[in-house]
């Protein structure tokens, strides 16, 4: 998972694409990345601790409604102008990066 950028219209036209899990390494998501992917599930999983920078509208409007983000990172996504427009929920379970004693 060394993907840092998904370019403009990269997956445009993948009409049967349903599920998206964005890797932790993703830094940039471009305009129209998932354009014409009208069968997308309404929930998107993002594994990045830092919200990816978004250029334009990467999804067909109205397809993605909820994003699931790493535990304890909801505030970072709520403070981002693009990502705060979605319902934000934490991933269930414990992050492998969570260094709690126990």
C-alpha atoms as a PDB file:
ATOM      1  CA  UNK A   1       0.000   0.000   0.000  1.00  0.00           C
ATOM      2  CA  UNK A   2       2.405   2.710  -1.142  1.00  0.00           C
ATOM      3  CA  UNK A   3      -0.243   4.571  -3.132  1.00  0.00           C
ATOM      4  CA  UNK A   4       0.025   8.283  -2.353  1.00  0.00           C
ATOM      5  CA  UNK A   5      -2.072   9.767  -5.176  1.00  0.00           C
ATOM      6  CA  UNK A   6      -5.093   8.594  -7.142  1.00  0.00           C
ATOM      7  CA  UNK A   7      -5.167  10.751 -10.255  1.00  0.00           C
ATOM      8  CA  UNK A   8      -7.922  12.585 -12.044  1.00  0.00           C
ATOM      9  CA  UNK A   9     -10.521  10.235 -13.526  1.00  0.00           C
ATOM     10  CA  UNK A  10      -8.326   7.217 -12.614  1.00  0.00           C
ATOM     11  CA  UNK A  11     -11.282   4.905 -12.008  1.00  0.00           C
ATOM     12  CA  UNK A  12     -13.874   6.880 -13.949  1.00  0.00           C
ATOM     13  CA  UNK A  13     -16.254   4.534 -15.716  1.00  0.00           C
ATOM     14  CA  UNK A  14     -15.710   1.499 -13.483  1.00  0.00           C
ATOM     15  CA  UNK A  15     -19.491   1.190 -13.337  1.00  0.00           C
ATOM     16  CA  UNK A  16     -19.548  -2.019 -11.271  1.00  0.00           C
ATOM     17  CA  UNK A  17     -17.179  -0.735  -8.572  1.00  0.00           C
ATOM     18  CA  UNK A  18     -18.956  -1.036  -5.228  1.00  0.00           C
ATOM     19  CA  UNK A  19     -16.479  -0.968  -2.358  1.00  0.00           C
ATOM     20  CA  UNK A  20     -13.565   1.375  -1.749  1.00  0.00           C
ATOM     21  CA  UNK A  21     -10.946   1.111   0.968  1.00  0.00           C
ATOM     22  CA  UNK A  22      -8.417   3.928   0.729  1.00  0.00           C
ATOM     23  CA  UNK A  23      -4.931   2.983   2.010  1.00  0.00           C
ATOM     24  CA  UNK A  24      -3.184   4.699   4.912  1.00  0.00           C
ATOM     25  CA  UNK A  25      -0.510   5.960   2.507  1.00  0.00           C
ATOM     26  CA  UNK A  26      -2.979   7.986   0.395  1.00  0.00           C
ATOM     27  CA  UNK A  27      -2.247  11.729   0.456  1.00  0.00           C
ATOM     28  CA  UNK A  28      -4.175  13.080  -2.580  1.00  0.00           C
ATOM     29  CA  UNK A  29      -7.498  12.224  -4.198  1.00  0.00           C
ATOM     30  CA  UNK A  30      -8.259  13.995  -7.473  1.00  0.00           C
ATOM     31  CA  UNK A  31     -11.288  15.303  -9.353  1.00  0.00           C
ATOM     32  CA  UNK A  32     -13.431  12.570 -10.880  1.00  0.00           C
ATOM     33  CA  UNK A  33     -11.352   9.711  -9.459  1.00  0.00           C
ATOM     34  CA  UNK A  34     -14.502   7.641  -9.019  1.00  0.00           C
ATOM     35  CA  UNK A  35     -16.641   9.447 -11.615  1.00  0.00           C
ATOM     36  CA  UNK A  36     -19.425   7.383 -13.196  1.00  0.00           C
ATOM     37  CA  UNK A  37     -19.064   4.775 -10.432  1.00  0.00           C
ATOM     38  CA  UNK A  38     -22.733   5.034  -9.598  1.00  0.00           C
ATOM     39  CA  UNK A  39     -22.946   1.655  -7.816  1.00  0.00           C
ATOM     40  CA  UNK A  40     -20.574   2.685  -5.034  1.00  0.00           C
ATOM     41  CA  UNK A  41     -21.703   1.701  -1.572  1.00  0.00           C
ATOM     42  CA  UNK A  42     -22.654   4.683   0.517  1.00  0.00           C
ATOM     43  CA  UNK A  43     -19.829   3.921   2.986  1.00  0.00           C
ATOM     44  CA  UNK A  44     -16.150   4.561   2.279  1.00  0.00           C
ATOM     45  CA  UNK A  45     -13.328   3.211   4.467  1.00  0.00           C
ATOM     46  CA  UNK A  46     -10.272   5.446   4.818  1.00  0.00           C
ATOM     47  CA  UNK A  47      -7.254   3.977   6.607  1.00  0.00           C
ATOM     48  CA  UNK A  48      -5.242   7.207   6.743  1.00  0.00           C
ATOM     49  CA  UNK A  49      -4.607   8.925  10.054  1.00  0.00           C
ATOM     50  CA  UNK A  50      -4.396  12.212   8.140  1.00  0.00           C
ATOM     51  CA  UNK A  51      -7.290  13.121   5.828  1.00  0.00           C
ATOM     52  CA  UNK A  52      -6.267  12.928   2.166  1.00  0.00           C
ATOM     53  CA  UNK A  53      -6.198  16.248   0.297  1.00  0.00           C
ATOM     54  CA  UNK A  54      -9.051  16.355  -2.207  1.00  0.00           C
ATOM     55  CA  UNK A  55      -9.167  18.227  -5.498  1.00  0.00           C
ATOM     56  CA  UNK A  56     -12.669  18.849  -6.798  1.00  0.00           C
ATOM     57  CA  UNK A  57     -15.309  16.108  -6.532  1.00  0.00           C
ATOM     58  CA  UNK A  58     -13.813  12.604  -6.589  1.00  0.00           C
ATOM     59  CA  UNK A  59     -17.199  10.814  -6.315  1.00  0.00           C
ATOM     60  CA  UNK A  60     -20.511  10.967  -8.109  1.00  0.00           C
ATOM     61  CA  UNK A  61     -22.566  13.351  -5.920  1.00  0.00           C
ATOM     62  CA  UNK A  62     -24.741  11.484  -3.451  1.00  0.00           C
ATOM     63  CA  UNK A  63     -23.037   8.086  -3.746  1.00  0.00           C
ATOM     64  CA  UNK A  64     -20.773   8.230  -0.675  1.00  0.00           C
ATOM     65  CA  UNK A  65     -22.545   9.372   2.480  1.00  0.00           C
ATOM     66  CA  UNK A  66     -20.485   7.899   5.344  1.00  0.00           C
ATOM     67  CA  UNK A  67     -16.743   7.596   5.886  1.00  0.00           C
ATOM     68  CA  UNK A  68     -15.149   5.209   8.351  1.00  0.00           C
ATOM     69  CA  UNK A  69     -11.817   6.472   9.671  1.00  0.00           C
ATOM     70  CA  UNK A  70      -9.130   5.158  12.045  1.00  0.00           C
ATOM     71  CA  UNK A  71     -10.005   5.176  15.756  1.00  0.00           C
ATOM     72  CA  UNK A  72      -9.535   8.540  17.481  1.00  0.00           C
ATOM     73  CA  UNK A  73      -9.095  10.376  14.133  1.00  0.00           C
ATOM     74  CA  UNK A  74     -12.672  11.604  13.683  1.00  0.00           C
ATOM     75  CA  UNK A  75     -11.743  15.141  14.793  1.00  0.00           C
ATOM     76  CA  UNK A  76      -9.070  15.396  12.094  1.00  0.00           C
ATOM     77  CA  UNK A  77     -11.624  14.512   9.422  1.00  0.00           C
ATOM     78  CA  UNK A  78     -14.306  16.801  10.911  1.00  0.00           C
ATOM     79  CA  UNK A  79     -11.880  19.723  10.723  1.00  0.00           C
ATOM     80  CA  UNK A  80     -11.285  19.140   6.997  1.00  0.00           C
ATOM     81  CA  UNK A  81     -13.519  21.216   4.700  1.00  0.00           C
ATOM     82  CA  UNK A  82     -14.170  18.351   2.269  1.00  0.00           C
ATOM     83  CA  UNK A  83     -14.468  15.360   4.607  1.00  0.00           C
ATOM     84  CA  UNK A  84     -16.662  17.088   7.196  1.00  0.00           C
ATOM     85  CA  UNK A  85     -19.563  17.017   4.718  1.00  0.00           C
ATOM     86  CA  UNK A  86     -19.889  13.244   5.291  1.00  0.00           C
ATOM     87  CA  UNK A  87     -21.114  11.294   8.293  1.00  0.00           C
ATOM     88  CA  UNK A  88     -17.867  10.295  10.062  1.00  0.00           C
ATOM     89  CA  UNK A  89     -17.581   7.085  12.065  1.00  0.00           C
ATOM     90  CA  UNK A  90     -14.561   5.422  13.710  1.00  0.00           C
ATOM     91  CA  UNK A  91     -13.337   1.998  12.650  1.00  0.00           C
ATOM     92  CA  UNK A  92     -14.209  -0.660  15.183  1.00  0.00           C
ATOM     93  CA  UNK A  93     -11.414  -2.393  17.051  1.00  0.00           C
ATOM     94  CA  UNK A  94      -7.973  -1.278  18.057  1.00  0.00           C
ATOM     95  CA  UNK A  95      -5.525   0.297  15.651  1.00  0.00           C
ATOM     96  CA  UNK A  96      -2.231  -1.532  15.248  1.00  0.00           C
ATOM     97  CA  UNK A  97      -0.623   1.860  15.859  1.00  0.00           C
ATOM     98  CA  UNK A  98      -2.395   2.268  19.214  1.00  0.00           C
ATOM     99  CA  UNK A  99       0.355   2.098  21.882  1.00  0.00           C
ATOM    100  CA  UNK A 100      -1.685   1.742  25.035  1.00  0.00           C
ATOM    101  CA  UNK A 101      -0.439  -0.273  27.978  1.00  0.00           C
ATOM    102  CA  UNK A 102      -2.407  -3.286  28.938  1.00  0.00           C
END
